Amino acid sequence: MSIDSSTLEIIACPSCKGKLTYWQSNNELVCRGEQLAYPVEEGIPVLIADKARTVDATELEQVPS
């Protein structure tokens, strides 16, 4: 399941309020600025800091632009 582009336009990283990018292969929303990935569970973004994981530089290169 993917995230609708109109949804991506209105949601933001809860930490820095920056743009999120949908990483389909991992089913996560990624904040490049904070290097955090938020899970998408059953099509619903889980934008809770405790649920986010840190994304390392190697992984960040794989996230689509």
Protein backbone atom coordinates (compact mmCIF):
# COMPACT_ATOMS: atom_id res chain seq x y z
CA MET A 1 0.00 0.00 0.00
CA SER A 2 1.33 3.45 -0.80
CA ILE A 3 0.81 6.90 0.61
CA ASP A 4 -1.22 9.33 -1.48
CA SER A 5 0.77 12.30 -2.78
CA SER A 6 -1.80 14.75 -1.38
CA THR A 7 -1.25 13.22 2.06
CA LEU A 8 2.50 13.72 1.74
CA GLU A 9 1.91 17.40 1.01
CA ILE A 10 0.10 18.02 4.31
CA ILE A 11 2.00 15.87 6.80
CA ALA A 12 5.39 16.74 8.27
CA CYS A 13 8.05 15.29 10.51
CA PRO A 14 6.84 15.69 14.10
CA SER A 15 10.40 16.44 15.22
CA CYS A 16 11.53 19.19 12.82
CA LYS A 17 8.33 19.88 10.81
CA GLY A 18 10.27 19.02 7.64
CA LYS A 19 9.10 17.21 4.52
CA LEU A 20 8.66 13.44 4.62
CA THR A 21 9.46 11.11 1.73
CA TYR A 22 7.65 7.81 1.25
CA TRP A 23 10.07 4.89 1.02
CA GLN A 24 7.86 2.25 -0.55
CA SER A 25 10.22 -0.73 -0.29
CA ASN A 26 10.43 -0.23 3.51
CA ASN A 27 6.90 1.13 3.91
CA GLU A 28 8.22 4.10 5.88
CA LEU A 29 8.10 7.88 5.79
CA VAL A 30 11.61 9.31 5.96
CA CYS A 31 12.74 12.69 7.23
CA ARG A 32 16.09 13.44 5.62
CA GLY A 33 16.84 16.33 7.98
CA GLU A 34 16.44 14.32 11.18
CA GLN A 35 17.45 11.01 9.54
CA LEU A 36 14.39 9.30 10.97
CA ALA A 37 12.03 6.75 9.44
CA TYR A 38 8.44 6.52 10.62
CA PRO A 39 6.51 3.29 9.97
CA VAL A 40 3.33 3.06 7.94
CA GLU A 41 1.05 0.46 9.51
CA GLU A 42 -2.01 -0.73 7.59
CA GLY A 43 -1.75 2.36 5.38
CA ILE A 44 -1.63 4.77 8.32
CA PRO A 45 1.52 6.83 9.02
CA VAL A 46 2.66 6.39 12.62
CA LEU A 47 4.21 9.78 13.31
CA ILE A 48 5.27 9.09 16.89
CA ALA A 49 8.87 9.78 17.85
CA ASP A 50 9.11 6.59 19.94
CA LYS A 51 8.15 4.51 16.90
CA ALA A 52 10.71 6.14 14.57
CA ARG A 53 14.04 4.56 13.81
CA THR A 54 17.32 6.21 12.88
CA VAL A 55 18.34 5.94 9.23
CA ASP A 56 22.07 5.73 8.55
CA ALA A 57 23.80 7.48 5.65
CA THR A 58 23.92 4.33 3.50
CA GLU A 59 20.18 3.79 3.86
CA LEU A 60 19.45 7.46 3.28
CA GLU A 61 21.07 7.21 -0.15
CA GLN A 62 18.50 4.54 -1.07
CA VAL A 63 15.48 6.68 -0.21
CA PRO A 64 13.84 8.04 -3.37
CA SER A 65 13.97 11.78 -3.94
